Amino acid sequence: MMKKMNDLVWSASVRLDNGIRRGKEEIQDLIWDETGDTNFISILVLLGIALALAGVFLSYQEDVLGWVETNIGPFFSRRAGR
């Protein structure tokens, strides 16, 4: 019985040690691996552009909506066939 318990504890400790070692390797790969960095930078650039456009729109909201109403509004208010 003691031999079986000893074997179970030994195999659990070996599996745990292998899991910890593999976990450390995965963390090091995550930190030092550079794949995907350009996509992350592209997303940040696009997010910055979107935020800048939102800021410009909020600043000139009345002007933009007035221009749209003046230039595009008559197109949508016409009846079909005219």
N, C-alpha and C. Protein backbone atom coordinates (compact mmCIF):
# COMPACT_ATOMS: atom_id res chain seq x y z
N MET A 1 0.82 -1.19 0.00
CA MET A 1 0.00 0.00 0.00
C MET A 1 0.87 1.26 0.00
N MET A 2 1.92 1.27 0.81
CA MET A 2 2.81 2.43 0.87
C MET A 2 3.54 2.63 -0.45
N LYS A 3 3.90 1.51 -1.11
CA LYS A 3 4.58 1.63 -2.40
C LYS A 3 3.66 2.27 -3.42
N LYS A 4 2.38 1.88 -3.42
CA LYS A 4 1.43 2.44 -4.37
C LYS A 4 1.23 3.94 -4.10
N MET A 5 1.10 4.33 -2.84
CA MET A 5 0.96 5.74 -2.48
C MET A 5 2.21 6.51 -2.87
N ASN A 6 3.37 5.92 -2.63
CA ASN A 6 4.63 6.56 -3.00
C ASN A 6 4.70 6.77 -4.51
N ASP A 7 4.27 5.76 -5.28
CA ASP A 7 4.27 5.88 -6.74
C ASP A 7 3.31 6.97 -7.20
N LEU A 8 2.14 7.07 -6.57
CA LEU A 8 1.17 8.10 -6.92
C LEU A 8 1.71 9.49 -6.64
N VAL A 9 2.31 9.67 -5.48
CA VAL A 9 2.88 10.97 -5.12
C VAL A 9 4.03 11.30 -6.07
N TRP A 10 4.86 10.32 -6.38
CA TRP A 10 5.99 10.55 -7.27
C TRP A 10 5.51 10.94 -8.67
N SER A 11 4.51 10.25 -9.20
CA SER A 11 4.03 10.56 -10.55
C SER A 11 3.33 11.92 -10.57
N ALA A 12 2.62 12.25 -9.49
CA ALA A 12 1.97 13.57 -9.43
C ALA A 12 3.01 14.67 -9.38
N SER A 13 4.08 14.48 -8.61
CA SER A 13 5.10 15.51 -8.52
C SER A 13 5.84 15.67 -9.86
N VAL A 14 6.06 14.57 -10.57
CA VAL A 14 6.72 14.64 -11.87
C VAL A 14 5.82 15.38 -12.86
N ARG A 15 4.51 15.05 -12.87
CA ARG A 15 3.60 15.75 -13.77
C ARG A 15 3.50 17.23 -13.43
N LEU A 16 3.47 17.54 -12.14
CA LEU A 16 3.40 18.93 -11.72
C LEU A 16 4.67 19.68 -12.13
N ASP A 17 5.82 19.04 -11.95
CA ASP A 17 7.08 19.67 -12.34
C ASP A 17 7.13 19.91 -13.85
N ASN A 18 6.68 18.93 -14.64
CA ASN A 18 6.64 19.10 -16.09
C ASN A 18 5.66 20.20 -16.49
N GLY A 19 4.54 20.27 -15.81
CA GLY A 19 3.56 21.32 -16.10
C GLY A 19 4.10 22.70 -15.78
N ILE A 20 4.79 22.82 -14.66
CA ILE A 20 5.38 24.11 -14.27
C ILE A 20 6.46 24.51 -15.27
N ARG A 21 7.32 23.55 -15.65
CA ARG A 21 8.39 23.83 -16.62
C ARG A 21 7.78 24.25 -17.95
N ARG A 22 6.74 23.53 -18.40
CA ARG A 22 6.09 23.86 -19.67
C ARG A 22 5.41 25.23 -19.55
N GLY A 23 4.81 25.53 -18.40
CA GLY A 23 4.19 26.83 -18.19
C GLY A 23 5.21 27.96 -18.24
N LYS A 24 6.38 27.75 -17.65
CA LYS A 24 7.43 28.77 -17.70
C LYS A 24 7.89 29.01 -19.13
N GLU A 25 8.03 27.90 -19.89
CA GLU A 25 8.44 28.05 -21.30
C GLU A 25 7.38 28.81 -22.10
N GLU A 26 6.10 28.53 -21.85
CA GLU A 26 5.04 29.23 -22.57
C GLU A 26 5.02 30.72 -22.21
N ILE A 27 5.26 31.04 -20.96
CA ILE A 27 5.31 32.45 -20.55
C ILE A 27 6.50 33.15 -21.20
N GLN A 28 7.65 32.49 -21.23
CA GLN A 28 8.81 33.09 -21.88
C GLN A 28 8.57 33.28 -23.37
N ASP A 29 7.92 32.30 -24.01
CA ASP A 29 7.58 32.46 -25.43
C ASP A 29 6.62 33.63 -25.63
N LEU A 30 5.66 33.77 -24.74
CA LEU A 30 4.71 34.87 -24.85
C LEU A 30 5.41 36.22 -24.72
N ILE A 31 6.38 36.31 -23.82
CA ILE A 31 7.09 37.57 -23.60
C ILE A 31 8.05 37.88 -24.74
N TRP A 32 8.79 36.88 -25.21
CA TRP A 32 9.87 37.15 -26.16
C TRP A 32 9.49 36.90 -27.61
N ASP A 33 8.40 36.22 -27.86
CA ASP A 33 7.99 35.96 -29.24
C ASP A 33 7.39 37.22 -29.84
N GLU A 34 7.79 37.57 -31.04
CA GLU A 34 7.36 38.83 -31.65
C GLU A 34 6.29 38.65 -32.71
N THR A 35 5.76 37.48 -32.88
CA THR A 35 4.72 37.30 -33.89
C THR A 35 3.44 37.97 -33.41
N GLY A 36 2.78 38.65 -34.32
CA GLY A 36 1.53 39.31 -33.98
C GLY A 36 1.69 40.74 -33.52
N ASP A 37 2.92 41.21 -33.35
CA ASP A 37 3.12 42.58 -32.87
C ASP A 37 2.65 43.60 -33.90
N THR A 38 2.87 43.34 -35.17
CA THR A 38 2.46 44.32 -36.17
C THR A 38 0.94 44.44 -36.22
N ASN A 39 0.23 43.35 -36.01
CA ASN A 39 -1.22 43.43 -35.98
C ASN A 39 -1.69 44.28 -34.80
N PHE A 40 -1.05 44.13 -33.67
CA PHE A 40 -1.41 44.89 -32.49
C PHE A 40 -1.17 46.38 -32.73
N ILE A 41 -0.05 46.70 -33.36
CA ILE A 41 0.27 48.10 -33.65
C ILE A 41 -0.72 48.66 -34.66
N SER A 42 -1.09 47.86 -35.66
CA SER A 42 -2.08 48.31 -36.64
C SER A 42 -3.41 48.61 -35.98
N ILE A 43 -3.81 47.76 -35.06
CA ILE A 43 -5.07 47.99 -34.35
C ILE A 43 -5.00 49.28 -33.55
N LEU A 44 -3.87 49.52 -32.90
CA LEU A 44 -3.73 50.77 -32.14
C LEU A 44 -3.79 51.99 -33.04
N VAL A 45 -3.15 51.91 -34.22
CA VAL A 45 -3.17 53.04 -35.15
C VAL A 45 -4.59 53.29 -35.65
N LEU A 46 -5.30 52.23 -36.03
CA LEU A 46 -6.67 52.39 -36.50
C LEU A 46 -7.59 52.92 -35.40
N LEU A 47 -7.37 52.47 -34.18
CA LEU A 47 -8.15 52.98 -33.06
C LEU A 47 -7.88 54.46 -32.84
N GLY A 48 -6.63 54.87 -32.97
CA GLY A 48 -6.28 56.29 -32.84
C GLY A 48 -6.95 57.13 -33.92
N ILE A 49 -6.96 56.63 -35.15
CA ILE A 49 -7.61 57.35 -36.25
C ILE A 49 -9.10 57.46 -36.00
N ALA A 50 -9.72 56.37 -35.56
CA ALA A 50 -11.16 56.40 -35.29
C ALA A 50 -11.49 57.39 -34.18
N LEU A 51 -10.68 57.43 -33.14
CA LEU A 51 -10.92 58.38 -32.05
C LEU A 51 -10.73 59.81 -32.51
N ALA A 52 -9.74 60.04 -33.37
CA ALA A 52 -9.52 61.39 -33.90
C ALA A 52 -10.70 61.82 -34.76
N LEU A 53 -11.20 60.93 -35.61
CA LEU A 53 -12.36 61.25 -36.43
C LEU A 53 -13.60 61.50 -35.58
N ALA A 54 -13.77 60.74 -34.52
CA ALA A 54 -14.89 60.96 -33.62
C ALA A 54 -14.77 62.32 -32.95
N GLY A 55 -13.57 62.70 -32.56
CA GLY A 55 -13.36 64.01 -31.95
C GLY A 55 -13.65 65.14 -32.92
N VAL A 56 -13.22 64.99 -34.17
CA VAL A 56 -13.49 66.01 -35.19
C VAL A 56 -14.98 66.10 -35.44
N PHE A 57 -15.65 64.95 -35.54
CA PHE A 57 -17.09 64.97 -35.77
C PHE A 57 -17.83 65.64 -34.61
N LEU A 58 -17.43 65.34 -33.40
CA LEU A 58 -18.08 65.97 -32.25
C LEU A 58 -17.84 67.47 -32.22
N SER A 59 -16.68 67.91 -32.68
CA SER A 59 -16.37 69.33 -32.70
C SER A 59 -17.20 70.07 -33.75
N TYR A 60 -17.36 69.45 -34.92
CA TYR A 60 -18.06 70.09 -36.03
C TYR A 60 -19.40 69.41 -36.31
N GLN A 61 -20.03 68.89 -35.30
CA GLN A 61 -21.26 68.12 -35.47
C GLN A 61 -22.37 68.93 -36.14
N GLU A 62 -22.60 70.13 -35.69
CA GLU A 62 -23.66 70.97 -36.26
C GLU A 62 -23.38 71.28 -37.73
N ASP A 63 -22.14 71.61 -38.06
CA ASP A 63 -21.78 71.93 -39.45
C ASP A 63 -21.96 70.71 -40.37
N VAL A 64 -21.50 69.55 -39.90
CA VAL A 64 -21.58 68.33 -40.72
C VAL A 64 -23.04 67.94 -40.94
N LEU A 65 -23.83 67.93 -39.87
CA LEU A 65 -25.23 67.55 -40.02
C LEU A 65 -26.01 68.57 -40.86
N GLY A 66 -25.68 69.84 -40.77
CA GLY A 66 -26.30 70.86 -41.62
C GLY A 66 -25.97 70.65 -43.08
N TRP A 67 -24.71 70.34 -43.37
CA TRP A 67 -24.30 70.08 -44.75
C TRP A 67 -25.02 68.86 -45.31
N VAL A 68 -25.12 67.81 -44.51
CA VAL A 68 -25.81 66.60 -44.97
C VAL A 68 -27.27 66.90 -45.23
N GLU A 69 -27.91 67.62 -44.35
CA GLU A 69 -29.32 67.95 -44.52
C GLU A 69 -29.54 68.81 -45.76
N THR A 70 -28.65 69.76 -46.01
CA THR A 70 -28.79 70.65 -47.16
C THR A 70 -28.54 69.92 -48.48
N ASN A 71 -27.50 69.09 -48.54
CA ASN A 71 -27.10 68.47 -49.80
C ASN A 71 -27.74 67.12 -50.08
N ILE A 72 -28.00 66.35 -49.08
CA ILE A 72 -28.52 65.01 -49.29
C ILE A 72 -30.00 64.91 -48.90
N GLY A 73 -30.45 65.79 -48.03
CA GLY A 73 -31.83 65.76 -47.57
C GLY A 73 -32.86 65.80 -48.68
N PRO A 74 -32.75 66.69 -49.68
CA PRO A 74 -33.75 66.72 -50.75
C PRO A 74 -33.85 65.41 -51.54
N PHE A 75 -32.77 64.71 -51.66
CA PHE A 75 -32.78 63.42 -52.37
C PHE A 75 -33.71 62.43 -51.68
N PHE A 76 -33.65 62.39 -50.37
CA PHE A 76 -34.45 61.43 -49.62
C PHE A 76 -35.89 61.90 -49.42
N SER A 77 -36.14 63.19 -49.53
CA SER A 77 -37.50 63.67 -49.31
C SER A 77 -38.35 63.63 -50.59
N ARG A 78 -37.75 63.36 -51.76
CA ARG A 78 -38.51 63.26 -53.01
C ARG A 78 -39.31 61.98 -53.05
N ARG A 79 -40.41 62.03 -53.72
CA ARG A 79 -41.24 60.84 -53.89
C ARG A 79 -40.71 60.03 -55.06
N ALA A 80 -41.01 58.77 -55.07
CA ALA A 80 -40.54 57.88 -56.13
C ALA A 80 -41.15 58.27 -57.47
N GLY A 81 -40.39 58.18 -58.54
CA GLY A 81 -40.85 58.45 -59.87
C GLY A 81 -40.76 59.90 -60.28
N ARG A 82 -40.22 60.76 -59.46
CA ARG A 82 -40.10 62.18 -59.80
C ARG A 82 -38.67 62.56 -60.02
